């Protein structure tokens, strides 16, 4: 751990996975040392990575098999383009979500855990965004074959709005609400 990370204000280093703007320990919990905090945050990221990796790897495996089905060659240019975007976003999501493991392996023992947590956090957020794109494109590919074009796009649009709300808007809203509550308590 670097000296710089220890000197940061509490709001910038406390909490889960590099989240800023909220306190980490509840009033009835013992405070953490900076080393305990970074270790906890790293362990949380690794647990979250395991969940996300599994989902994206299963989806990516499914996508790879689609090109070898007899009906794939009957798809039009739009569907082939969506497939290419889907496979590329799935591959990059996989890379982003597995990267924290590689970072840990190469940097373990280098006293860089605070930097590793920050980079892993960013990779996880980016990987989740890419995973949402992959899922949206997969839905579009499937629904475009099953239902009329406009209906497919509307359904996928609704699902993507749900992803944005539940994965990004809700956590950001909760963070702001917590920060406002903390300001009012002071």
N, C-alpha and C. Protein backbone atom coordinates (compact mmCIF):
# COMPACT_ATOMS: atom_id res chain seq x y z
N UNK A 1 0.84 -1.16 0.00
CA UNK A 1 0.00 0.00 0.00
C UNK A 1 0.89 1.23 0.00
N UNK A 2 0.54 2.24 -0.76
CA UNK A 2 1.36 3.44 -0.82
C UNK A 2 0.94 4.41 0.26
N UNK A 3 1.88 5.30 0.60
CA UNK A 3 1.59 6.31 1.62
C UNK A 3 0.50 7.25 1.14
N UNK A 4 0.47 7.51 -0.17
CA UNK A 4 -0.52 8.42 -0.73
C UNK A 4 -1.94 7.97 -0.44
N UNK A 5 -2.21 6.68 -0.55
CA UNK A 5 -3.57 6.20 -0.33
C UNK A 5 -3.99 6.34 1.12
N UNK A 6 -3.05 6.26 2.03
CA UNK A 6 -3.38 6.38 3.45
C UNK A 6 -3.73 7.82 3.79
N UNK A 7 -3.15 8.78 3.10
CA UNK A 7 -3.38 10.19 3.40
C UNK A 7 -4.65 10.74 2.78
N UNK A 8 -5.32 9.98 1.91
CA UNK A 8 -6.56 10.47 1.31
C UNK A 8 -7.62 10.67 2.37
N UNK A 9 -8.56 11.61 2.13
CA UNK A 9 -9.65 11.79 3.10
C UNK A 9 -10.50 10.53 3.19
N UNK A 10 -11.13 10.34 4.34
CA UNK A 10 -11.94 9.13 4.59
C UNK A 10 -12.98 8.90 3.51
N UNK A 11 -13.67 9.94 3.05
CA UNK A 11 -14.75 9.74 2.08
C UNK A 11 -14.23 9.18 0.76
N UNK A 12 -12.96 9.45 0.44
CA UNK A 12 -12.44 8.98 -0.83
C UNK A 12 -11.96 7.54 -0.76
N UNK A 13 -11.60 7.04 0.42
CA UNK A 13 -11.07 5.69 0.49
C UNK A 13 -11.99 4.72 1.19
N UNK A 14 -13.01 5.20 1.85
CA UNK A 14 -13.89 4.32 2.59
C UNK A 14 -14.93 3.72 1.67
N UNK A 15 -15.52 2.63 2.07
CA UNK A 15 -16.62 2.05 1.32
C UNK A 15 -16.16 0.94 0.41
N UNK A 16 -17.07 0.46 -0.40
CA UNK A 16 -16.80 -0.70 -1.23
C UNK A 16 -16.29 -0.32 -2.60
N UNK A 17 -15.35 -1.07 -3.07
CA UNK A 17 -14.92 -1.05 -4.47
C UNK A 17 -14.68 0.35 -5.02
N UNK A 18 -13.94 1.16 -4.31
CA UNK A 18 -13.55 2.49 -4.77
C UNK A 18 -14.73 3.45 -4.90
N UNK A 19 -15.85 3.15 -4.28
CA UNK A 19 -16.98 4.06 -4.29
C UNK A 19 -16.64 5.24 -3.40
N UNK A 20 -16.98 6.43 -3.84
CA UNK A 20 -16.72 7.60 -3.03
C UNK A 20 -18.03 8.18 -2.53
N UNK A 21 -17.94 8.96 -1.49
CA UNK A 21 -19.09 9.71 -1.04
C UNK A 21 -19.93 9.05 0.03
N UNK A 22 -19.50 7.94 0.59
CA UNK A 22 -20.25 7.35 1.69
C UNK A 22 -19.26 6.73 2.66
N UNK A 23 -19.68 6.63 3.89
CA UNK A 23 -18.80 6.02 4.87
C UNK A 23 -18.95 4.53 4.81
N UNK A 24 -17.88 3.82 5.16
CA UNK A 24 -17.90 2.37 5.04
C UNK A 24 -18.41 1.67 6.28
N UNK A 25 -17.97 2.08 7.44
CA UNK A 25 -18.32 1.37 8.67
C UNK A 25 -19.59 1.96 9.28
N UNK A 26 -20.46 1.09 9.68
CA UNK A 26 -21.66 1.52 10.40
C UNK A 26 -21.23 1.96 11.80
N UNK A 27 -22.05 2.78 12.46
CA UNK A 27 -21.66 3.28 13.77
C UNK A 27 -21.34 2.19 14.79
N UNK A 28 -21.98 1.02 14.68
CA UNK A 28 -21.75 -0.04 15.65
C UNK A 28 -20.61 -0.97 15.24
N UNK A 29 -19.92 -0.69 14.12
CA UNK A 29 -18.81 -1.51 13.67
C UNK A 29 -17.48 -0.86 14.05
N UNK A 30 -16.48 -1.70 14.26
CA UNK A 30 -15.15 -1.19 14.56
C UNK A 30 -14.57 -0.54 13.30
N UNK A 31 -13.88 0.59 13.43
CA UNK A 31 -13.28 1.22 12.25
C UNK A 31 -12.17 0.33 11.68
N UNK A 32 -11.96 0.46 10.37
CA UNK A 32 -10.92 -0.32 9.70
C UNK A 32 -9.65 0.51 9.56
N UNK A 33 -8.55 -0.17 9.58
CA UNK A 33 -7.30 0.49 9.22
C UNK A 33 -7.28 0.60 7.70
N UNK A 34 -6.45 1.49 7.15
CA UNK A 34 -6.36 1.57 5.69
C UNK A 34 -6.00 0.22 5.05
N UNK A 35 -5.14 -0.55 5.68
CA UNK A 35 -4.75 -1.87 5.14
C UNK A 35 -5.94 -2.84 5.18
N UNK A 36 -6.69 -2.85 6.27
CA UNK A 36 -7.87 -3.72 6.36
C UNK A 36 -8.91 -3.33 5.31
N UNK A 37 -9.07 -2.02 5.11
CA UNK A 37 -10.05 -1.52 4.15
C UNK A 37 -9.69 -1.96 2.73
N UNK A 38 -8.43 -1.78 2.33
CA UNK A 38 -8.04 -2.15 0.98
C UNK A 38 -8.12 -3.66 0.78
N UNK A 39 -7.80 -4.43 1.82
CA UNK A 39 -7.93 -5.89 1.73
C UNK A 39 -9.40 -6.30 1.58
N UNK A 40 -10.28 -5.66 2.35
CA UNK A 40 -11.71 -5.96 2.25
C UNK A 40 -12.22 -5.60 0.87
N UNK A 41 -11.85 -4.43 0.38
CA UNK A 41 -12.31 -3.99 -0.94
C UNK A 41 -11.81 -4.93 -2.03
N UNK A 42 -10.57 -5.40 -1.91
CA UNK A 42 -10.04 -6.33 -2.90
C UNK A 42 -10.83 -7.64 -2.88
N UNK A 43 -11.08 -8.15 -1.68
CA UNK A 43 -11.84 -9.40 -1.56
C UNK A 43 -13.25 -9.25 -2.14
N UNK A 44 -13.88 -8.10 -1.92
CA UNK A 44 -15.21 -7.85 -2.48
C UNK A 44 -15.16 -7.86 -4.01
N UNK A 45 -14.15 -7.21 -4.57
CA UNK A 45 -14.02 -7.17 -6.03
C UNK A 45 -13.82 -8.58 -6.58
N UNK A 46 -13.02 -9.39 -5.91
CA UNK A 46 -12.78 -10.75 -6.40
C UNK A 46 -14.07 -11.58 -6.36
N UNK A 47 -14.88 -11.41 -5.33
CA UNK A 47 -16.16 -12.13 -5.26
C UNK A 47 -17.09 -11.66 -6.37
N UNK A 48 -17.17 -10.36 -6.59
CA UNK A 48 -18.02 -9.82 -7.65
C UNK A 48 -17.54 -10.29 -9.02
N UNK A 49 -16.24 -10.35 -9.19
CA UNK A 49 -15.65 -10.80 -10.46
C UNK A 49 -16.06 -12.23 -10.76
N UNK A 50 -16.07 -13.08 -9.76
CA UNK A 50 -16.46 -14.49 -9.97
C UNK A 50 -17.89 -14.59 -10.50
N UNK A 51 -18.76 -13.80 -9.96
CA UNK A 51 -20.17 -13.83 -10.40
C UNK A 51 -20.28 -13.35 -11.85
N UNK A 52 -19.68 -12.20 -12.13
CA UNK A 52 -19.78 -11.62 -13.48
C UNK A 52 -19.08 -12.48 -14.52
N UNK A 53 -17.92 -13.02 -14.17
CA UNK A 53 -17.17 -13.86 -15.12
C UNK A 53 -17.99 -15.06 -15.57
N UNK A 54 -18.63 -15.69 -14.64
CA UNK A 54 -19.42 -16.89 -14.97
C UNK A 54 -20.49 -16.56 -15.99
N UNK A 55 -21.23 -15.49 -15.74
CA UNK A 55 -22.31 -15.11 -16.65
C UNK A 55 -21.81 -14.77 -18.04
N UNK A 56 -20.77 -13.97 -18.12
CA UNK A 56 -20.30 -13.55 -19.43
C UNK A 56 -19.63 -14.70 -20.17
N UNK A 57 -18.98 -15.61 -19.47
CA UNK A 57 -18.34 -16.74 -20.14
C UNK A 57 -19.37 -17.72 -20.71
N UNK A 58 -20.45 -17.95 -19.98
CA UNK A 58 -21.52 -18.82 -20.49
C UNK A 58 -22.15 -18.19 -21.73
N UNK A 59 -22.45 -16.90 -21.65
CA UNK A 59 -23.04 -16.20 -22.79
C UNK A 59 -22.09 -16.21 -23.97
N UNK A 60 -20.81 -15.95 -23.74
CA UNK A 60 -19.82 -15.91 -24.81
C UNK A 60 -19.70 -17.28 -25.48
N UNK A 61 -19.70 -18.34 -24.68
CA UNK A 61 -19.65 -19.69 -25.24
C UNK A 61 -20.83 -19.98 -26.14
N UNK A 62 -22.02 -19.55 -25.70
CA UNK A 62 -23.22 -19.70 -26.53
C UNK A 62 -23.06 -18.95 -27.84
N UNK A 63 -22.56 -17.72 -27.76
CA UNK A 63 -22.41 -16.90 -28.96
C UNK A 63 -21.45 -17.51 -29.97
N UNK A 64 -20.39 -18.11 -29.49
CA UNK A 64 -19.42 -18.71 -30.39
C UNK A 64 -20.02 -19.87 -31.18
N UNK A 65 -20.96 -20.57 -30.57
CA UNK A 65 -21.56 -21.72 -31.26
C UNK A 65 -22.60 -21.30 -32.30
N UNK A 66 -23.14 -20.11 -32.19
CA UNK A 66 -24.22 -19.66 -33.09
C UNK A 66 -23.75 -19.64 -34.55
N UNK A 67 -22.55 -19.21 -34.80
CA UNK A 67 -22.06 -19.09 -36.18
C UNK A 67 -21.96 -20.44 -36.89
N UNK A 68 -21.96 -21.52 -36.13
CA UNK A 68 -21.82 -22.84 -36.73
C UNK A 68 -23.16 -23.58 -36.87
N UNK A 69 -24.26 -22.87 -36.67
CA UNK A 69 -25.57 -23.49 -36.85
C UNK A 69 -26.01 -23.31 -38.31
N UNK A 70 -26.82 -24.22 -38.82
CA UNK A 70 -27.25 -24.13 -40.23
C UNK A 70 -28.02 -22.85 -40.55
N UNK A 71 -28.82 -22.34 -39.62
CA UNK A 71 -29.63 -21.16 -39.90
C UNK A 71 -28.82 -19.86 -39.90
N UNK A 72 -27.62 -19.87 -39.37
CA UNK A 72 -26.82 -18.65 -39.29
C UNK A 72 -26.58 -18.05 -40.68
N UNK A 73 -26.32 -18.88 -41.65
CA UNK A 73 -26.01 -18.38 -43.00
C UNK A 73 -27.24 -17.80 -43.69
N UNK A 74 -28.42 -18.10 -43.18
CA UNK A 74 -29.65 -17.54 -43.76
C UNK A 74 -29.98 -16.16 -43.19
N UNK A 75 -29.26 -15.73 -42.17
CA UNK A 75 -29.53 -14.42 -41.58
C UNK A 75 -29.11 -13.31 -42.54
N UNK A 76 -29.78 -12.15 -42.42
CA UNK A 76 -29.45 -11.03 -43.31
C UNK A 76 -28.23 -10.25 -42.79
N UNK A 77 -27.86 -9.23 -43.52
CA UNK A 77 -26.67 -8.43 -43.18
C UNK A 77 -26.80 -7.78 -41.81
N UNK A 78 -28.00 -7.27 -41.49
CA UNK A 78 -28.22 -6.65 -40.18
C UNK A 78 -27.92 -7.64 -39.06
N UNK A 79 -28.44 -8.84 -39.17
CA UNK A 79 -28.23 -9.85 -38.12
C UNK A 79 -26.76 -10.26 -38.02
N UNK A 80 -26.08 -10.36 -39.16
CA UNK A 80 -24.64 -10.67 -39.12
C UNK A 80 -23.87 -9.54 -38.44
N UNK A 81 -24.23 -8.29 -38.72
CA UNK A 81 -23.56 -7.16 -38.08
C UNK A 81 -23.81 -7.17 -36.57
N UNK A 82 -25.05 -7.43 -36.17
CA UNK A 82 -25.37 -7.51 -34.74
C UNK A 82 -24.58 -8.64 -34.10
N UNK A 83 -24.45 -9.76 -34.80
CA UNK A 83 -23.69 -10.89 -34.27
C UNK A 83 -22.22 -10.50 -34.04
N UNK A 84 -21.62 -9.83 -35.02
CA UNK A 84 -20.22 -9.42 -34.88
C UNK A 84 -20.06 -8.48 -33.69
N UNK A 85 -20.93 -7.51 -33.56
CA UNK A 85 -20.88 -6.58 -32.42
C UNK A 85 -21.05 -7.35 -31.11
N UNK A 86 -21.95 -8.30 -31.11
CA UNK A 86 -22.21 -9.10 -29.90
C UNK A 86 -21.00 -9.91 -29.50
N UNK A 87 -20.37 -10.58 -30.45
CA UNK A 87 -19.21 -11.41 -30.14
C UNK A 87 -18.03 -10.54 -29.69
N UNK A 88 -17.82 -9.41 -30.35
CA UNK A 88 -16.72 -8.53 -29.96
C UNK A 88 -16.96 -7.94 -28.57
N UNK A 89 -18.18 -7.50 -28.30
CA UNK A 89 -18.46 -6.95 -26.96
C UNK A 89 -18.38 -8.05 -25.90
N UNK A 90 -18.78 -9.27 -26.24
CA UNK A 90 -18.65 -10.39 -25.31
C UNK A 90 -17.20 -10.71 -25.01
N UNK A 91 -16.36 -10.68 -26.04
CA UNK A 91 -14.93 -10.95 -25.85
C UNK A 91 -14.28 -9.86 -25.00
N UNK A 92 -14.62 -8.60 -25.27
CA UNK A 92 -14.02 -7.51 -24.49
C UNK A 92 -14.56 -7.50 -23.06
N UNK A 93 -15.83 -7.87 -22.87
CA UNK A 93 -16.37 -7.99 -21.51
C UNK A 93 -15.63 -9.08 -20.76
N UNK A 94 -15.40 -10.20 -21.42
CA UNK A 94 -14.66 -11.30 -20.79
C UNK A 94 -13.27 -10.83 -20.38
N UNK A 95 -12.58 -10.13 -21.28
CA UNK A 95 -11.24 -9.63 -20.97
C UNK A 95 -11.27 -8.67 -19.79
N UNK A 96 -12.23 -7.76 -19.77
CA UNK A 96 -12.31 -6.77 -18.67
C UNK A 96 -12.61 -7.43 -17.33
N UNK A 97 -13.47 -8.44 -17.35
CA UNK A 97 -13.88 -9.07 -16.10
C UNK A 97 -12.85 -10.08 -15.58
N UNK A 98 -11.99 -10.57 -16.45
CA UNK A 98 -10.94 -11.48 -16.01
C UNK A 98 -9.65 -10.72 -15.69
N UNK A 99 -9.50 -9.52 -16.21
CA UNK A 99 -8.28 -8.73 -16.01
C UNK A 99 -7.88 -8.56 -14.54
N UNK A 100 -8.81 -8.34 -13.59
CA UNK A 100 -8.36 -8.20 -12.20
C UNK A 100 -7.59 -9.42 -11.69
N UNK A 101 -7.93 -10.60 -12.17
CA UNK A 101 -7.21 -11.80 -11.76
C UNK A 101 -5.78 -11.75 -12.29
N UNK A 102 -5.62 -11.36 -13.54
CA UNK A 102 -4.30 -11.25 -14.13
C UNK A 102 -3.48 -10.17 -13.42
N UNK A 103 -4.11 -9.04 -13.15
CA UNK A 103 -3.42 -7.95 -12.45
C UNK A 103 -2.93 -8.46 -11.10
N UNK A 104 -3.80 -9.15 -10.39
CA UNK A 104 -3.41 -9.68 -9.08
C UNK A 104 -2.24 -10.64 -9.21
N UNK A 105 -2.29 -11.51 -10.18
CA UNK A 105 -1.22 -12.51 -10.35
C UNK A 105 0.11 -11.83 -10.63
N UNK A 106 0.12 -10.80 -11.50
CA UNK A 106 1.37 -10.15 -11.87
C UNK A 106 1.88 -9.19 -10.79
N UNK A 107 0.98 -8.61 -10.00
CA UNK A 107 1.39 -7.58 -9.05
C UNK A 107 1.33 -8.04 -7.59
N UNK A 108 0.96 -9.27 -7.34
CA UNK A 108 0.88 -9.77 -5.97
C UNK A 108 2.24 -9.64 -5.29
N UNK A 109 2.22 -9.12 -4.09
CA UNK A 109 3.45 -8.94 -3.31
C UNK A 109 4.21 -7.67 -3.63
N UNK A 110 3.69 -6.83 -4.51
CA UNK A 110 4.38 -5.60 -4.90
C UNK A 110 3.94 -4.38 -4.08
N UNK A 111 3.10 -4.60 -3.08
CA UNK A 111 2.57 -3.51 -2.24
C UNK A 111 1.85 -2.45 -3.08
N UNK A 112 1.01 -2.94 -3.97
CA UNK A 112 0.25 -2.06 -4.87
C UNK A 112 -1.24 -2.32 -4.78
N UNK A 113 -1.70 -2.87 -3.67
CA UNK A 113 -3.10 -3.30 -3.61
C UNK A 113 -4.07 -2.14 -3.77
N UNK A 114 -3.74 -0.96 -3.26
CA UNK A 114 -4.66 0.17 -3.43
C UNK A 114 -4.82 0.54 -4.90
N UNK A 115 -3.71 0.50 -5.67
CA UNK A 115 -3.80 0.76 -7.10
C UNK A 115 -4.55 -0.37 -7.80
N UNK A 116 -4.30 -1.60 -7.38
CA UNK A 116 -4.99 -2.74 -7.97
C UNK A 116 -6.49 -2.64 -7.75
N UNK A 117 -6.91 -2.22 -6.56
CA UNK A 117 -8.34 -2.08 -6.28
C UNK A 117 -8.96 -1.02 -7.19
N UNK A 118 -8.30 0.09 -7.37
CA UNK A 118 -8.83 1.16 -8.20
C UNK A 118 -8.95 0.71 -9.66
N UNK A 119 -7.92 0.08 -10.20
CA UNK A 119 -7.94 -0.38 -11.58
C UNK A 119 -8.98 -1.49 -11.75
N UNK A 120 -9.02 -2.43 -10.81
CA UNK A 120 -9.99 -3.52 -10.89
C UNK A 120 -11.41 -2.98 -10.85
N UNK A 121 -11.64 -1.98 -10.01
CA UNK A 121 -12.96 -1.35 -9.94
C UNK A 121 -13.37 -0.80 -11.31
N UNK A 122 -12.47 -0.09 -11.95
CA UNK A 122 -12.77 0.50 -13.26
C UNK A 122 -12.99 -0.58 -14.32
N UNK A 123 -12.17 -1.63 -14.28
CA UNK A 123 -12.34 -2.73 -15.22
C UNK A 123 -13.68 -3.43 -15.01
N UNK A 124 -14.09 -3.59 -13.76
CA UNK A 124 -15.37 -4.23 -13.47
C UNK A 124 -16.54 -3.39 -13.99
N UNK A 125 -16.49 -2.09 -13.77
CA UNK A 125 -17.56 -1.21 -14.26
C UNK A 125 -17.61 -1.26 -15.79
N UNK A 126 -16.45 -1.17 -16.43
CA UNK A 126 -16.40 -1.26 -17.89
C UNK A 126 -16.86 -2.62 -18.38
N UNK A 127 -16.44 -3.67 -17.70
CA UNK A 127 -16.83 -5.03 -18.08
C UNK A 127 -18.33 -5.24 -17.95
N UNK A 128 -18.91 -4.66 -16.90
CA UNK A 128 -20.37 -4.78 -16.72
C UNK A 128 -21.11 -4.03 -17.83
N UNK A 129 -20.59 -2.88 -18.23
CA UNK A 129 -21.19 -2.13 -19.33
C UNK A 129 -21.12 -2.96 -20.61
N UNK A 130 -19.95 -3.55 -20.88
CA UNK A 130 -19.80 -4.40 -22.06
C UNK A 130 -20.68 -5.64 -21.99
N UNK A 131 -20.85 -6.18 -20.78
CA UNK A 131 -21.73 -7.34 -20.62
C UNK A 131 -23.18 -6.94 -20.91
N UNK A 132 -23.59 -5.76 -20.47
CA UNK A 132 -24.95 -5.30 -20.77
C UNK A 132 -25.14 -5.13 -22.27
N UNK A 133 -24.14 -4.59 -22.96
CA UNK A 133 -24.21 -4.44 -24.42
C UNK A 133 -24.31 -5.82 -25.07
N UNK A 134 -23.50 -6.77 -24.57
CA UNK A 134 -23.53 -8.13 -25.12
C UNK A 134 -24.91 -8.77 -24.94
N UNK A 135 -25.48 -8.61 -23.77
CA UNK A 135 -26.80 -9.18 -23.51
C UNK A 135 -27.86 -8.50 -24.39
N UNK A 136 -27.77 -7.17 -24.49
CA UNK A 136 -28.72 -6.45 -25.35
C UNK A 136 -28.63 -6.87 -26.80
N UNK A 137 -27.41 -7.01 -27.30
CA UNK A 137 -27.23 -7.43 -28.69
C UNK A 137 -27.67 -8.88 -28.89
N UNK A 138 -27.42 -9.72 -27.90
CA UNK A 138 -27.88 -11.12 -27.99
C UNK A 138 -29.40 -11.16 -28.08
N UNK A 139 -30.05 -10.37 -27.23
CA UNK A 139 -31.52 -10.29 -27.29
C UNK A 139 -31.99 -9.79 -28.65
N UNK A 140 -31.32 -8.76 -29.16
CA UNK A 140 -31.71 -8.22 -30.46
C UNK A 140 -31.55 -9.28 -31.54
N UNK A 141 -30.46 -10.01 -31.50
CA UNK A 141 -30.22 -11.06 -32.49
C UNK A 141 -31.31 -12.13 -32.44
N UNK A 142 -31.64 -12.55 -31.24
CA UNK A 142 -32.66 -13.60 -31.07
C UNK A 142 -34.05 -13.06 -31.40
N UNK A 143 -34.41 -11.92 -30.83
CA UNK A 143 -35.76 -11.39 -31.03
C UNK A 143 -36.00 -10.93 -32.45
N UNK A 144 -34.96 -10.47 -33.13
CA UNK A 144 -35.11 -10.04 -34.52
C UNK A 144 -35.53 -11.20 -35.42
N UNK A 145 -35.17 -12.40 -35.03
CA UNK A 145 -35.56 -13.60 -35.78
C UNK A 145 -36.96 -14.06 -35.37
N UNK A 146 -37.34 -13.83 -34.13
CA UNK A 146 -38.57 -14.40 -33.56
C UNK A 146 -39.79 -13.49 -33.69
N UNK A 147 -39.61 -12.18 -33.52
CA UNK A 147 -40.74 -11.25 -33.55
C UNK A 147 -40.48 -10.18 -34.61
N UNK A 148 -41.51 -9.41 -34.97
CA UNK A 148 -41.30 -8.34 -35.96
C UNK A 148 -40.21 -7.36 -35.52
N UNK A 149 -39.56 -6.75 -36.50
CA UNK A 149 -38.39 -5.89 -36.29
C UNK A 149 -38.62 -4.81 -35.23
N UNK A 150 -39.71 -4.06 -35.36
CA UNK A 150 -39.98 -2.97 -34.41
C UNK A 150 -40.19 -3.51 -33.00
N UNK A 151 -40.92 -4.60 -32.88
CA UNK A 151 -41.17 -5.21 -31.57
C UNK A 151 -39.85 -5.65 -30.94
N UNK A 152 -38.97 -6.24 -31.73
CA UNK A 152 -37.67 -6.68 -31.22
C UNK A 152 -36.89 -5.49 -30.67
N UNK A 153 -36.86 -4.41 -31.42
CA UNK A 153 -36.11 -3.22 -30.99
C UNK A 153 -36.73 -2.59 -29.74
N UNK A 154 -38.04 -2.56 -29.66
CA UNK A 154 -38.70 -2.02 -28.47
C UNK A 154 -38.42 -2.87 -27.23
N UNK A 155 -38.50 -4.19 -27.39
CA UNK A 155 -38.22 -5.08 -26.26
C UNK A 155 -36.78 -4.94 -25.78
N UNK A 156 -35.85 -4.91 -26.72
CA UNK A 156 -34.44 -4.76 -26.36
C UNK A 156 -34.21 -3.39 -25.72
N UNK A 157 -34.83 -2.36 -26.26
CA UNK A 157 -34.71 -1.03 -25.66
C UNK A 157 -35.21 -1.02 -24.23
N UNK A 158 -36.34 -1.68 -23.98
CA UNK A 158 -36.86 -1.76 -22.61
C UNK A 158 -35.92 -2.50 -21.68
N UNK A 159 -35.34 -3.59 -22.16
CA UNK A 159 -34.39 -4.35 -21.34
C UNK A 159 -33.15 -3.51 -21.05
N UNK A 160 -32.66 -2.78 -22.05
CA UNK A 160 -31.47 -1.95 -21.84
C UNK A 160 -31.75 -0.80 -20.87
N UNK A 161 -32.94 -0.25 -20.92
CA UNK A 161 -33.31 0.78 -19.93
C UNK A 161 -33.30 0.16 -18.54
N UNK A 162 -33.81 -1.07 -18.41
CA UNK A 162 -33.80 -1.74 -17.12
C UNK A 162 -32.37 -1.96 -16.63
N UNK A 163 -31.47 -2.40 -17.53
CA UNK A 163 -30.06 -2.55 -17.15
C UNK A 163 -29.50 -1.22 -16.64
N UNK A 164 -29.74 -0.15 -17.39
CA UNK A 164 -29.22 1.17 -16.99
C UNK A 164 -29.77 1.58 -15.63
N UNK A 165 -31.05 1.36 -15.42
CA UNK A 165 -31.66 1.74 -14.14
C UNK A 165 -31.13 0.89 -12.98
N UNK A 166 -31.11 -0.42 -13.15
CA UNK A 166 -30.76 -1.28 -12.02
C UNK A 166 -29.26 -1.38 -11.79
N UNK A 167 -28.44 -1.28 -12.84
CA UNK A 167 -27.00 -1.44 -12.67
C UNK A 167 -26.28 -0.12 -12.43
N UNK A 168 -26.83 1.00 -12.92
CA UNK A 168 -26.10 2.27 -12.82
C UNK A 168 -26.89 3.36 -12.09
N UNK A 169 -28.10 3.62 -12.51
CA UNK A 169 -28.87 4.72 -11.91
C UNK A 169 -29.18 4.43 -10.44
N UNK A 170 -29.67 3.24 -10.13
CA UNK A 170 -30.02 2.91 -8.74
C UNK A 170 -28.81 3.01 -7.80
N UNK A 171 -27.67 2.40 -8.13
CA UNK A 171 -26.52 2.56 -7.22
C UNK A 171 -26.07 4.01 -7.05
N UNK A 172 -26.09 4.78 -8.15
CA UNK A 172 -25.69 6.19 -8.03
C UNK A 172 -26.69 6.97 -7.18
N UNK A 173 -27.97 6.68 -7.34
CA UNK A 173 -28.99 7.34 -6.52
C UNK A 173 -28.81 6.98 -5.05
N UNK A 174 -28.57 5.70 -4.76
CA UNK A 174 -28.34 5.28 -3.38
C UNK A 174 -27.11 5.96 -2.78
N UNK A 175 -26.06 6.10 -3.58
CA UNK A 175 -24.85 6.77 -3.10
C UNK A 175 -25.13 8.23 -2.76
N UNK A 176 -25.85 8.92 -3.65
CA UNK A 176 -26.17 10.34 -3.39
C UNK A 176 -27.07 10.48 -2.17
N UNK A 177 -28.05 9.59 -2.04
CA UNK A 177 -28.95 9.64 -0.88
C UNK A 177 -28.17 9.43 0.41
N UNK A 178 -27.24 8.49 0.40
CA UNK A 178 -26.41 8.23 1.57
C UNK A 178 -25.54 9.43 1.90
N UNK A 179 -24.98 10.07 0.87
CA UNK A 179 -24.13 11.25 1.09
C UNK A 179 -24.96 12.40 1.67
N UNK A 180 -26.17 12.59 1.15
CA UNK A 180 -27.05 13.65 1.70
C UNK A 180 -27.40 13.38 3.15
N UNK A 181 -27.70 12.12 3.45
CA UNK A 181 -28.02 11.73 4.82
C UNK A 181 -26.84 11.99 5.74
N UNK A 182 -25.62 11.67 5.29
CA UNK A 182 -24.43 11.87 6.10
C UNK A 182 -24.20 13.37 6.36
N UNK A 183 -24.49 14.21 5.36
CA UNK A 183 -24.32 15.66 5.52
C UNK A 183 -25.31 16.18 6.55
N UNK A 184 -26.56 15.68 6.50
CA UNK A 184 -27.58 16.14 7.43
C UNK A 184 -27.32 15.66 8.87
N UNK A 185 -26.62 14.53 9.00
CA UNK A 185 -26.32 14.01 10.34
C UNK A 185 -25.18 14.77 11.01
N UNK A 186 -24.33 15.41 10.18
CA UNK A 186 -23.20 16.17 10.74
C UNK A 186 -23.59 17.48 11.27
